Amino acid sequence: MDWYKQGTTVGTGAALPIEIGFYPSCFKIRNPKTGASLKFFSGMTDDTAIKAGGDIVERACTLAASAAHTNVAVGDVVTKIDGMPYLAALTASAAITTTTCAHDDSHAHYVAFGLSVGVNGTVDAGPDAAANATGYASEAAAIAALLAVAPATAHVLIGIITVKIDADGADFVGGTTHFDASG
């Protein structure tokens, strides 16, 4: 009699058989601590799921250079942190981290700055790529390095600003140097 579905789960270092007693067409796994969940539907390929909840951006915002072109204008954004929704209203000039990113005469390089929203509804600087002071060989490497850094506690990342620093330019100082400057 084949009335149950058997599968495995990994998490303790060992594969454990699971019998759930029926063939579901959809099921959801939820982490009660973070509110994050994964949904699986029949017909989905292995290792595929739809992630929802947790610390996420629920309604995206627009990012643009501020009027002074040294910081970032941020549109309204709705985030969810620990399952609670938060609204960050339009910010005309959100500061990026004041980090001096040195130019290198031998080659151009890239740096990445993050903007996040906290439970207080304020747009904050960070996280930033770990080696912004010296830069990265490509924009993709700078973004990957930034994504490897977790946002501050009770914050969610809402945007990434990348800057290309030319070999023949000057140092770039976050929050100070004009975005259109060659350095």
Protein backbone atom coordinates (compact mmCIF):
# COMPACT_ATOMS: atom_id res chain seq x y z
CA MET A 1 0.00 0.00 0.00
CA ASP A 2 1.52 3.29 -1.11
CA TRP A 3 -0.43 5.91 0.88
CA TYR A 4 2.48 7.91 2.26
CA LYS A 5 5.26 10.06 0.83
CA GLN A 6 8.80 9.35 2.02
CA GLY A 7 11.69 11.79 1.71
CA THR A 8 14.82 12.91 3.50
CA THR A 9 15.93 15.97 5.37
CA VAL A 10 19.46 17.08 6.17
CA GLY A 11 20.35 19.28 9.11
CA THR A 12 21.93 17.15 11.77
CA GLY A 13 24.65 15.76 9.55
CA ALA A 14 22.61 12.62 8.87
CA ALA A 15 19.87 11.94 6.32
CA LEU A 16 16.63 11.15 8.13
CA PRO A 17 13.61 9.45 6.47
CA ILE A 18 10.34 11.34 6.86
CA GLU A 19 6.89 9.79 6.47
CA ILE A 20 4.14 12.39 6.36
CA GLY A 21 1.22 10.11 5.59
CA PHE A 22 -0.06 11.61 2.32
CA TYR A 23 0.99 13.11 -1.00
CA PRO A 24 0.84 16.89 -0.63
CA SER A 25 0.50 19.09 -3.70
CA CYS A 26 1.94 21.96 -1.68
CA PHE A 27 3.69 22.32 1.66
CA LYS A 28 5.38 25.07 3.60
CA ILE A 29 8.27 24.99 6.06
CA ARG A 30 8.37 27.97 8.43
CA ASN A 31 11.03 29.22 10.83
CA PRO A 32 9.04 30.68 13.75
CA LYS A 33 12.01 32.70 15.00
CA THR A 34 12.56 34.73 11.81
CA GLY A 35 9.20 34.34 10.09
CA ALA A 36 10.98 33.06 6.97
CA SER A 37 9.33 30.25 5.08
CA LEU A 38 9.87 28.01 2.09
CA LYS A 39 6.99 26.78 -0.09
CA PHE A 40 7.20 23.72 -2.31
CA PHE A 41 4.63 22.78 -4.97
CA SER A 42 4.16 19.54 -6.85
CA GLY A 43 5.96 19.72 -10.16
CA MET A 44 8.83 21.87 -8.85
CA THR A 45 12.29 20.50 -9.52
CA ASP A 46 14.49 19.22 -6.70
CA ASP A 47 16.30 21.90 -4.66
CA THR A 48 13.70 24.51 -5.67
CA ALA A 49 11.50 26.53 -3.32
CA ILE A 50 9.80 29.89 -3.00
CA LYS A 51 11.18 31.92 -0.10
CA ALA A 52 8.91 34.31 1.80
CA GLY A 53 8.94 36.20 5.07
CA GLY A 54 11.92 36.87 7.26
CA ASP A 55 13.85 40.11 6.89
CA ILE A 56 12.87 41.23 3.40
CA VAL A 57 12.02 44.24 1.28
CA GLU A 58 8.28 43.96 0.60
CA ARG A 59 7.89 47.05 -1.59
CA ALA A 60 10.99 48.16 -3.44
CA CYS A 61 12.14 51.74 -3.59
CA THR A 62 13.94 53.86 -6.12
CA LEU A 63 17.52 54.99 -5.56
CA ALA A 64 19.01 58.04 -7.27
CA ALA A 65 21.85 60.46 -6.69
CA SER A 66 20.92 63.17 -4.17
CA ALA A 67 20.75 66.80 -5.29
CA ALA A 68 24.37 67.28 -4.20
CA HIS A 69 25.41 64.05 -5.99
CA THR A 70 27.32 62.86 -2.90
CA ASN A 71 24.59 60.80 -1.20
CA VAL A 72 21.52 58.85 -2.30
CA ALA A 73 17.86 59.84 -2.55
CA VAL A 74 15.65 56.92 -1.46
CA GLY A 75 11.96 56.53 -2.29
CA ASP A 76 9.38 55.05 0.11
CA VAL A 77 10.22 51.46 1.01
CA VAL A 78 8.32 48.84 3.02
CA THR A 79 10.40 46.20 4.78
CA LYS A 80 9.60 43.31 7.07
CA ILE A 81 11.98 42.64 9.96
CA ASP A 82 11.30 39.73 12.32
CA GLY A 83 7.85 39.44 10.75
CA MET A 84 6.85 43.06 11.47
CA PRO A 85 6.30 45.56 8.62
CA TYR A 86 8.12 48.91 8.67
CA LEU A 87 7.81 51.94 6.38
CA ALA A 88 10.75 54.18 5.60
CA ALA A 89 9.46 57.37 4.03
CA LEU A 90 11.14 59.26 1.20
CA THR A 91 14.65 60.34 2.17
CA ALA A 92 16.09 63.15 0.06
CA SER A 93 19.72 62.50 1.04
CA ALA A 94 20.65 59.20 2.70
CA ALA A 95 24.33 59.21 3.60
CA ILE A 96 26.63 56.44 2.47
CA THR A 97 29.53 55.41 4.67
CA THR A 98 32.37 57.93 4.82
CA THR A 99 35.14 55.60 3.67
CA THR A 100 38.19 56.75 1.74
CA CYS A 101 38.60 54.49 -1.27
CA ALA A 102 42.10 54.99 -2.65
CA HIS A 103 42.67 55.11 -6.39
CA ASP A 104 45.39 52.94 -7.92
CA ASP A 105 47.48 54.39 -10.74
CA SER A 106 47.87 50.96 -12.37
CA HIS A 107 44.19 50.05 -12.84
CA ALA A 108 40.59 51.06 -12.20
CA HIS A 109 38.67 49.34 -9.43
CA TYR A 110 35.22 49.23 -7.87
CA VAL A 111 33.71 49.74 -4.43
CA ALA A 112 30.22 48.95 -3.10
CA PHE A 113 28.18 50.76 -0.46
CA GLY A 114 24.96 49.42 1.05
CA LEU A 115 21.88 51.18 2.39
CA SER A 116 19.62 49.50 4.91
CA VAL A 117 16.44 50.25 6.84
CA GLY A 118 16.08 49.55 10.54
CA VAL A 119 13.05 49.00 12.75
CA ASN A 120 13.03 52.74 13.47
CA GLY A 121 12.16 53.37 9.79
CA THR A 122 15.39 55.25 9.13
CA VAL A 123 17.58 54.65 6.09
CA ASP A 124 21.08 53.91 7.39
CA ALA A 125 24.49 53.52 5.76
CA GLY A 126 25.85 49.98 5.48
CA PRO A 127 26.71 47.26 5.15
CA ASP A 128 29.67 47.94 2.89
CA ALA A 129 32.08 45.68 1.02
CA ALA A 130 34.91 44.69 3.35
CA ALA A 131 37.78 45.92 1.16
CA ASN A 132 36.32 49.23 -0.03
CA ALA A 133 39.49 51.03 1.07
CA THR A 134 41.49 49.21 -1.63
CA GLY A 135 38.67 48.24 -4.01
CA TYR A 136 37.78 45.23 -6.18
CA ALA A 137 38.78 44.23 -9.71
CA SER A 138 35.18 44.15 -10.94
CA GLU A 139 31.78 45.54 -10.02
CA ALA A 140 30.50 41.99 -9.54
CA ALA A 141 33.29 41.24 -7.05
CA ALA A 142 32.48 44.40 -5.07
CA ILE A 143 28.76 43.49 -4.93
CA ALA A 144 29.53 39.89 -3.93
CA ALA A 145 31.79 41.14 -1.13
CA LEU A 146 29.04 43.47 0.12
CA LEU A 147 26.45 40.67 0.08
CA ALA A 148 28.79 38.57 2.22
CA VAL A 149 28.45 41.16 5.02
CA ALA A 150 25.29 40.95 7.12
CA PRO A 151 23.30 44.14 7.74
CA ALA A 152 23.28 45.54 11.28
CA THR A 153 20.93 43.93 13.80
CA ALA A 154 17.24 44.65 13.07
CA HIS A 155 18.07 46.05 9.59
CA VAL A 156 17.41 44.85 6.05
CA LEU A 157 19.50 45.74 2.98
CA ILE A 158 17.48 47.88 0.53
CA GLY A 159 20.05 48.94 -2.04
CA ILE A 160 23.63 48.81 -3.30
CA ILE A 161 25.59 51.71 -4.75
CA THR A 162 28.71 50.86 -6.76
CA VAL A 163 31.40 53.34 -7.74
CA LYS A 164 34.12 52.87 -10.35
CA ILE A 165 37.36 54.55 -9.35
CA ASP A 166 39.48 55.35 -12.40
CA ALA A 167 43.23 54.70 -12.39
CA ASP A 168 43.94 58.32 -13.33
CA GLY A 169 41.41 59.77 -10.91
CA ALA A 170 41.53 60.84 -7.29
CA ASP A 171 40.55 58.96 -4.14
CA PHE A 172 36.79 58.56 -3.61
CA VAL A 173 35.41 59.50 -0.18
CA GLY A 174 31.91 58.18 0.47
CA GLY A 175 29.41 60.92 1.27
CA THR A 176 31.87 63.62 0.17
CA THR A 177 33.10 63.01 -3.37
CA HIS A 178 30.67 63.88 -6.18
CA PHE A 179 29.40 60.69 -7.88
CA ASP A 180 30.21 62.13 -11.30
CA ALA A 181 33.87 62.83 -10.38
CA SER A 182 36.42 60.77 -12.27
CA GLY A 183 37.94 59.48 -9.05
